[in-house]
């Protein structure tokens, strides 16, 4: 079969995949065949345009048939499901992002705040007896309610630094009389089988009487304060500055998802590492057999690894502004990101972030360097440890 006949069958839709591969292989090696294929393509477009031009409008066709006494049956409308809009690509990605954030918040509150109580209770009220004695022989010297401290990023970092130090000052506890006012709890004649409760308080200290040395020892039990590490989950939708001409062949289920691990080195700086799944659109040129120059267009879905540095210039109560620089790498090339945003510290160990970023992607092909860029937003939660 001649190549011209194969081209005609191709435009009529009568060719198989193997024949099409053979045809395009022949066309790529012969400039004359490329010209003929373009001519066939122009003829095909002209024929389709002519058909659309000479087709009468539906209103005119209906009026002609009505004059002849005939009626055209109406086109059956496809009934749409009530939630058919969920099949839209944008809505599906948005719903997945919202559902993942809601699920993450539910897990956080289930594990970190199972029985939240803002009151500072030193012991079970049912066990407190007159004279400061309790049912478990815990002499309660004094207690008071501690007002919650205003949450800011600097206060959280100061708490982190204090938690790294353990104080054991025995001299300060000597000479305490019976009438002395002490905000700590002293325990004596401890029964191992006795049940008791300690408050979930950030500043409580436990003094245990050592009968052998007759001195008091202070133990810091601030187990719930953040120590500087944080775990982040973000959604990172983005848009290529160069308009994509093709769509990716396949997209990961974790597309636009970023997971990071960070550490606060000071009240103003944070460093961390991240892994994210993202799509990158690229256009670049290359030669085959060193004679023909081709233009490649790709949109790959890649896994990128990176390291970032964040700077917090301003604090406004629980809201902090930040600037971020990120350097990353994937199997295709190198990535540099820069951006900023705001962070809301809802609790001492939970924050929400919203920001924007500019991404520049640099890659190498056949001894030449190419680049592309995109912009995006990121929003998510930050769990502090």
Protein backbone atom coordinates (compact mmCIF):
# COMPACT_ATOMS: atom_id res chain seq x y z
CA UNK A 1 0.00 0.00 0.00
CA UNK A 2 1.29 3.42 -1.01
CA UNK A 3 1.97 5.98 1.69
CA UNK A 4 -0.59 8.37 0.12
CA UNK A 5 -3.32 5.74 0.44
CA UNK A 6 -2.34 5.19 4.06
CA UNK A 7 -2.69 8.94 4.68
CA UNK A 8 -6.19 8.94 3.15
CA UNK A 9 -7.21 5.97 5.29
CA UNK A 10 -5.75 7.72 8.34
CA UNK A 11 -7.93 10.80 7.88
CA UNK A 12 -10.96 8.58 7.25
CA UNK A 13 -10.22 6.68 10.47
CA UNK A 14 -9.60 3.27 8.85
CA UNK A 15 -5.99 2.64 9.95
CA UNK A 16 -4.66 0.49 12.74
CA UNK A 17 -2.10 1.53 15.32
CA UNK A 18 0.72 -0.44 13.66
CA UNK A 19 0.02 1.15 10.27
CA UNK A 20 -0.03 4.61 11.86
CA UNK A 21 3.36 3.99 13.48
CA UNK A 22 4.79 2.90 10.14
CA UNK A 23 3.30 5.96 8.41
CA UNK A 24 4.67 8.49 10.91
CA UNK A 25 8.04 6.74 10.87
CA UNK A 26 8.23 7.19 7.09
CA UNK A 27 7.05 10.80 7.33
CA UNK A 28 9.72 11.69 9.92
CA UNK A 29 12.49 10.62 7.50
CA UNK A 30 11.18 12.28 4.33
CA UNK A 31 10.59 16.02 3.91
CA UNK A 32 8.37 15.43 0.85
CA UNK A 33 6.04 13.21 2.84
CA UNK A 34 5.86 15.88 5.56
CA UNK A 35 4.64 18.39 2.95
CA UNK A 36 2.08 15.92 1.58
CA UNK A 37 0.79 15.17 5.08
CA UNK A 38 0.33 18.91 5.72
CA UNK A 39 -1.63 19.21 2.45
CA UNK A 40 -3.89 16.32 3.45
CA UNK A 41 -4.41 17.98 6.82
CA UNK A 42 -5.39 21.29 5.20
CA UNK A 43 -7.82 19.50 2.87
CA UNK A 44 -9.40 17.70 5.82
CA UNK A 45 -9.88 20.96 7.73
CA UNK A 46 -11.34 22.67 4.64
CA UNK A 47 -13.85 19.86 4.11
CA UNK A 48 -15.01 19.99 7.73
CA UNK A 49 -15.34 23.77 7.56
CA UNK A 50 -17.37 23.50 4.33
CA UNK A 51 -19.80 21.05 5.92
CA UNK A 52 -20.33 23.37 8.88
CA UNK A 53 -20.80 26.34 6.54
CA UNK A 54 -23.48 24.70 4.37
CA UNK A 55 -25.36 23.17 7.27
CA UNK A 56 -28.61 25.04 7.84
CA UNK A 57 -29.33 26.39 11.33
CA UNK A 58 -31.73 24.31 13.45
CA UNK A 59 -34.34 27.12 13.56
CA UNK A 60 -34.46 27.32 9.76
CA UNK A 61 -34.78 23.55 9.43
CA UNK A 62 -37.66 23.50 11.94
CA UNK A 63 -39.55 26.27 10.11
CA UNK A 64 -39.24 24.47 6.75
CA UNK A 65 -40.54 21.19 8.16
CA UNK A 66 -43.42 22.99 9.92
CA UNK A 67 -44.53 24.54 6.61
CA UNK A 68 -44.57 21.06 5.10
CA UNK A 69 -46.67 19.77 7.99
CA UNK A 70 -43.93 17.83 9.69
CA UNK A 71 -42.32 18.31 13.08
CA UNK A 72 -38.81 17.38 14.07
CA UNK A 73 -38.72 15.39 17.31
CA UNK A 74 -36.88 17.33 20.03
CA UNK A 75 -33.42 16.23 21.02
CA UNK A 76 -33.51 14.19 24.18
CA UNK A 77 -31.80 16.00 27.00
CA UNK A 78 -29.45 14.01 29.11
CA UNK A 79 -30.60 14.13 32.70
CA UNK A 80 -27.79 15.23 34.97
CA UNK A 81 -27.30 13.77 38.37
CA UNK A 82 -27.79 16.13 41.34
CA UNK A 83 -24.07 15.97 42.15
CA UNK A 84 -22.70 15.74 38.60
CA UNK A 85 -20.56 18.84 39.19
CA UNK A 86 -18.39 16.73 41.53
CA UNK A 87 -16.89 15.10 38.43
CA UNK A 88 -15.32 18.43 37.53
CA UNK A 89 -11.55 18.29 37.94
CA UNK A 90 -11.34 21.49 40.01
CA UNK A 91 -14.13 20.52 42.40
CA UNK A 92 -12.74 17.01 42.84
CA UNK A 93 -9.28 18.31 43.83
CA UNK A 94 -10.81 20.93 46.12
CA UNK A 95 -13.00 18.38 47.88
CA UNK A 96 -10.08 16.01 48.36
CA UNK A 97 -8.02 18.83 49.90
CA UNK A 98 -10.80 19.93 52.25
CA UNK A 99 -11.54 16.34 53.28
CA UNK A 100 -7.87 15.66 54.05
CA UNK A 101 -7.61 18.80 56.21
CA UNK A 102 -10.80 17.93 58.12
CA UNK A 103 -9.57 14.38 58.71
CA UNK A 104 -6.19 15.67 59.92
CA UNK A 105 -7.82 18.10 62.34
CA UNK A 106 -10.11 15.37 63.67
CA UNK A 107 -7.13 13.11 64.39
CA UNK A 108 -5.23 15.97 66.05
CA UNK A 109 -8.06 16.89 68.40
CA UNK A 110 -8.79 13.24 69.16
CA UNK A 111 -5.21 12.57 70.32
CA UNK A 112 -4.11 15.92 71.73
CA UNK A 113 -7.35 17.16 73.32
CA UNK A 114 -9.37 14.13 74.42
CA UNK A 115 -10.56 15.64 77.73
CA UNK A 116 -9.78 19.36 77.56
CA UNK A 117 -10.10 21.22 80.85
CA UNK A 118 -8.83 24.76 81.30
CA UNK A 119 -8.97 24.66 85.12
CA UNK A 120 -5.86 23.92 87.16
CA UNK A 121 -6.84 21.11 89.51
CA UNK A 122 -4.08 19.96 91.84
CA UNK A 123 -5.92 16.85 93.03
CA UNK A 124 -9.31 15.21 92.87
CA UNK A 125 -11.76 17.49 94.67
CA UNK A 126 -13.61 14.52 96.08
CA UNK A 127 -10.52 13.41 97.96
CA UNK A 128 -9.74 16.79 99.57
CA UNK A 129 -10.42 16.84 103.30
CA UNK A 130 -10.53 19.81 105.73
CA UNK A 131 -7.16 21.14 106.84
CA UNK A 132 -5.46 20.56 103.49
CA UNK A 133 -5.45 16.76 103.87
CA UNK A 134 -6.49 14.43 101.11
CA UNK A 135 -7.76 10.87 101.12
CA UNK A 136 -4.44 9.68 99.76
CA UNK A 137 -2.29 11.41 102.46
CA UNK A 138 -1.24 14.14 100.03
CA UNK A 139 -0.82 17.32 102.14
CA UNK A 140 -1.88 20.19 99.90
CA UNK A 141 0.03 23.33 100.90
CA UNK A 142 -1.72 25.78 98.56
CA UNK A 143 -3.03 26.05 95.05
CA UNK A 144 -4.47 28.71 92.79
CA UNK A 145 -5.86 29.01 89.29
CA UNK A 146 -3.31 30.12 86.71
CA UNK A 147 -4.65 32.45 84.04
CA UNK A 148 -3.96 31.32 80.48
CA UNK A 149 -1.06 33.10 78.88
CA UNK A 150 -1.53 34.87 75.56
CA UNK A 151 -0.22 32.65 72.79
CA UNK A 152 2.42 34.22 70.56
CA UNK A 153 5.26 32.70 68.60
CA UNK A 154 7.91 34.26 70.89
CA UNK A 155 6.19 32.91 74.02
CA UNK A 156 6.08 29.43 72.54
CA UNK A 157 9.77 29.54 71.71
CA UNK A 158 10.61 30.80 75.22
CA UNK A 159 8.71 27.86 76.68
CA UNK A 160 10.69 25.51 74.44
CA UNK A 161 13.97 26.88 75.74
CA UNK A 162 12.85 26.58 79.39
CA UNK A 163 11.84 22.97 78.88
CA UNK A 164 15.40 22.07 77.93
CA UNK A 165 16.60 22.92 81.49
CA UNK A 166 15.95 20.89 84.64
CA UNK A 167 16.32 22.71 87.93
CA UNK A 168 17.20 20.99 91.20
CA UNK A 169 17.51 23.62 93.93
CA UNK A 170 17.57 21.90 97.29
CA UNK A 171 18.69 24.91 99.37
CA UNK A 172 15.64 26.99 98.48
CA UNK A 173 13.28 24.41 99.90
CA UNK A 174 14.96 24.21 103.33
CA UNK A 175 13.44 26.18 106.21
CA UNK A 176 9.89 26.06 104.90
CA UNK A 177 7.61 26.17 107.91
CA UNK A 178 4.18 24.78 108.31
CA UNK A 179 2.61 28.17 107.63
CA UNK A 180 4.75 28.95 104.58
CA UNK A 181 2.94 29.60 101.31
CA UNK A 182 4.12 27.19 98.63
CA UNK A 183 2.56 26.68 95.22
CA UNK A 184 3.92 23.14 94.88
CA UNK A 185 2.43 19.85 95.99
CA UNK A 186 4.31 17.90 98.69
CA UNK A 187 3.79 14.19 99.01
CA UNK A 188 4.48 12.03 102.07
CA UNK A 189 3.66 8.47 103.04
CA UNK A 190 2.95 7.65 99.41
CA UNK A 191 0.86 4.53 98.95
CA UNK A 192 1.81 2.82 95.69
CA UNK A 193 -1.73 1.54 95.27
CA UNK A 194 -3.39 4.92 95.85
CA UNK A 195 -5.09 6.59 92.91
CA UNK A 196 -4.51 10.27 92.28
CA UNK A 197 -4.68 12.85 89.49
CA UNK A 198 -2.29 15.61 88.47
CA UNK A 199 -3.42 18.62 86.54
CA UNK A 200 -2.51 19.20 82.88
CA UNK A 201 -0.67 22.39 83.85
CA UNK A 202 2.41 23.77 82.14
CA UNK A 203 4.02 25.13 85.34
CA UNK A 204 3.26 22.49 87.98
CA UNK A 205 6.18 21.06 89.90
CA UNK A 206 6.18 17.97 92.07
CA UNK A 207 8.15 17.94 95.33
CA UNK A 208 8.83 14.48 96.71
CA UNK A 209 10.12 14.01 100.25
CA UNK A 210 13.18 11.83 100.45
CA UNK A 211 13.10 10.24 103.93
CA UNK A 212 16.76 9.19 103.73
CA UNK A 213 18.24 12.64 103.06
CA UNK A 214 15.36 14.75 104.46
CA UNK A 215 15.58 17.18 101.55
CA UNK A 216 13.12 18.22 98.91
CA UNK A 217 13.71 17.52 95.22
CA UNK A 218 11.96 19.31 92.42
CA UNK A 219 11.02 17.54 89.21
CA UNK A 220 9.80 19.36 86.12
CA UNK A 221 6.85 17.55 84.53
CA UNK A 222 6.24 19.94 81.62
CA UNK A 223 5.74 17.01 79.30
CA UNK A 224 3.26 18.73 76.99
CA UNK A 225 5.21 21.82 75.94
CA UNK A 226 6.62 21.92 72.38
CA UNK A 227 10.38 21.31 72.19
CA UNK A 228 11.01 22.91 68.80
CA UNK A 229 10.09 20.22 66.25
CA UNK A 230 7.02 20.50 64.04
CA UNK A 231 5.32 18.30 61.45
CA UNK A 232 3.51 19.97 58.55
CA UNK A 233 0.91 18.79 56.02
CA UNK A 234 0.16 21.21 53.15
CA UNK A 235 -1.83 21.29 49.95
CA UNK A 236 0.11 23.08 47.18
CA UNK A 237 -1.96 23.77 44.03
CA UNK A 238 0.03 25.63 41.36
CA UNK A 239 -0.24 27.06 37.86
CA UNK A 240 2.43 27.09 35.15
CA UNK A 241 3.37 30.53 33.83
CA UNK A 242 3.80 28.97 30.37
CA UNK A 243 0.37 27.81 29.18
CA UNK A 244 0.43 23.98 29.10
CA UNK A 245 -0.26 22.46 25.69
CA UNK A 246 -0.72 18.91 27.04
CA UNK A 247 -1.97 17.21 30.17
CA UNK A 248 0.06 14.67 32.18
CA UNK A 249 -0.47 11.03 31.24
CA UNK A 250 -1.00 10.05 34.86
CA UNK A 251 -1.28 11.93 38.14
CA UNK A 252 -0.40 10.54 41.54
CA UNK A 253 -3.12 10.27 44.18
CA UNK A 254 -0.88 12.46 46.38
CA UNK A 255 -0.50 15.22 43.79
CA UNK A 256 -0.01 18.71 45.31
CA UNK A 257 0.60 17.17 48.74
CA UNK A 258 3.61 18.34 50.78
CA UNK A 259 4.87 16.79 54.03
CA UNK A 260 7.57 18.58 56.03
CA UNK A 261 9.58 18.19 59.25
CA UNK A 262 10.88 21.43 60.79
CA UNK A 263 12.92 22.68 63.74
CA UNK A 264 12.93 26.14 65.37
CA UNK A 265 16.56 27.24 65.75
CA UNK A 266 15.43 30.57 67.23
CA UNK A 267 12.29 32.62 67.71
CA UNK A 268 12.76 34.12 64.22
CA UNK A 269 14.19 31.26 62.15
CA UNK A 270 12.99 27.77 61.28
CA UNK A 271 14.71 25.14 59.14
CA UNK A 272 13.24 21.96 57.72
CA UNK A 273 13.03 19.29 55.05
CA UNK A 274 10.09 18.40 52.85
CA UNK A 275 8.83 15.95 50.23
CA UNK A 276 6.07 16.88 47.79
CA UNK A 277 4.32 15.53 44.70
CA UNK A 278 3.88 18.05 41.90
CA UNK A 279 3.31 18.45 38.15
CA UNK A 280 5.80 20.47 36.08
CA UNK A 281 5.18 21.57 32.47
CA UNK A 282 8.31 21.88 30.28
CA UNK A 283 9.12 22.81 26.69
CA UNK A 284 12.60 22.22 25.28
CA UNK A 285 14.36 21.41 22.00
CA UNK A 286 16.54 18.47 21.05
CA UNK A 287 18.05 16.79 18.02
CA UNK A 288 17.74 13.24 16.73
CA UNK A 289 20.60 11.90 14.59
CA UNK A 290 22.21 15.37 14.87
CA UNK A 291 20.26 16.78 11.92
CA UNK A 292 16.64 17.47 12.88
CA UNK A 293 15.64 19.80 15.70
CA UNK A 294 12.51 18.80 17.61
CA UNK A 295 10.39 20.69 20.12
CA UNK A 296 9.45 18.58 23.13
CA UNK A 297 6.42 19.34 25.30
CA UNK A 298 5.99 17.40 28.53
CA UNK A 299 4.08 17.65 31.79
CA UNK A 300 5.52 15.18 34.26
CA UNK A 301 4.24 14.34 37.73
CA UNK A 302 7.34 14.15 39.93
CA UNK A 303 8.33 13.61 43.55
CA UNK A 304 10.59 16.42 44.80
CA UNK A 305 12.78 16.56 47.91
CA UNK A 306 13.88 19.88 49.38
CA UNK A 307 15.24 21.87 52.30
CA UNK A 308 13.80 25.20 53.40
CA UNK A 309 14.55 28.15 55.67
CA UNK A 310 11.78 30.35 57.11
CA UNK A 311 12.19 33.80 58.62
CA UNK A 312 9.51 35.38 60.83
CA UNK A 313 9.88 39.19 60.66
CA UNK A 314 6.66 40.28 62.40
CA UNK A 315 4.27 38.97 65.05
CA UNK A 316 0.78 40.32 65.63
CA UNK A 317 -0.55 38.36 68.59
CA UNK A 318 -1.11 34.75 67.50
CA UNK A 319 -0.60 35.67 63.81
CA UNK A 320 2.95 35.62 62.40
CA UNK A 321 4.22 36.55 58.95
CA UNK A 322 7.00 34.54 57.33
CA UNK A 323 9.33 34.48 54.32
CA UNK A 324 10.56 31.16 52.92
CA UNK A 325 13.37 29.97 50.63
CA UNK A 326 13.46 26.36 49.43
CA UNK A 327 16.01 24.40 47.40
CA UNK A 328 14.96 21.02 46.02
CA UNK A 329 15.76 18.27 43.55
CA UNK A 330 13.94 15.53 41.65
CA UNK A 331 14.86 13.03 38.97
CA UNK A 332 14.45 15.68 36.26
CA UNK A 333 16.41 18.63 37.63
CA UNK A 334 16.74 21.28 40.34
CA UNK A 335 14.11 23.47 41.99
CA UNK A 336 14.25 26.83 43.74
CA UNK A 337 11.21 28.24 45.52
CA UNK A 338 10.60 31.53 47.29
CA UNK A 339 7.49 32.90 48.90
CA UNK A 340 5.78 34.04 52.05
CA UNK A 341 2.57 33.94 54.03
CA UNK A 342 1.00 34.03 57.46
CA UNK A 343 0.83 31.50 60.28
CA UNK A 344 -1.90 31.41 62.93
CA UNK A 345 -0.95 29.80 66.26
CA UNK A 346 -4.30 28.44 67.44
CA UNK A 347 -2.72 26.44 70.29
CA UNK A 348 0.76 25.93 71.64
CA UNK A 349 1.11 22.74 69.60
CA UNK A 350 -1.11 23.51 66.61
CA UNK A 351 -0.89 26.20 63.90
CA UNK A 352 -2.47 26.92 60.52
CA UNK A 353 -0.52 28.34 57.55
CA UNK A 354 -1.53 30.11 54.34
CA UNK A 355 0.98 31.41 51.79
CA UNK A 356 2.11 31.79 48.19
CA UNK A 357 5.27 30.74 46.35
CA UNK A 358 7.16 31.15 43.08
CA UNK A 359 8.92 28.06 41.71
CA UNK A 360 11.73 27.96 39.15
CA UNK A 361 12.64 24.57 37.65
CA UNK A 362 16.04 24.08 35.98
CA UNK A 363 16.86 20.94 33.96
CA UNK A 364 19.43 19.60 31.50
CA UNK A 365 18.91 17.97 28.07
CA UNK A 366 21.55 17.09 25.46
CA UNK A 367 24.24 19.43 26.82
CA UNK A 368 21.79 22.34 27.06
CA UNK A 369 20.11 23.88 30.10
CA UNK A 370 16.42 24.81 30.10
CA UNK A 371 14.09 26.37 32.62
CA UNK A 372 10.43 26.85 33.42
CA UNK A 373 8.50 28.49 36.24
CA UNK A 374 5.14 28.40 37.98
CA UNK A 375 3.26 30.08 40.83
CA UNK A 376 1.12 28.52 43.51
CA UNK A 377 -0.45 28.74 46.93
CA UNK A 378 -0.03 26.50 49.97
CA UNK A 379 -2.25 25.96 52.97
CA UNK A 380 -2.17 23.39 55.73
CA UNK A 381 -1.64 22.55 59.38
CA UNK A 382 1.47 22.46 61.58
CA UNK A 383 1.70 20.11 64.56
CA UNK A 384 4.37 21.08 67.10
CA UNK A 385 6.21 18.65 69.39
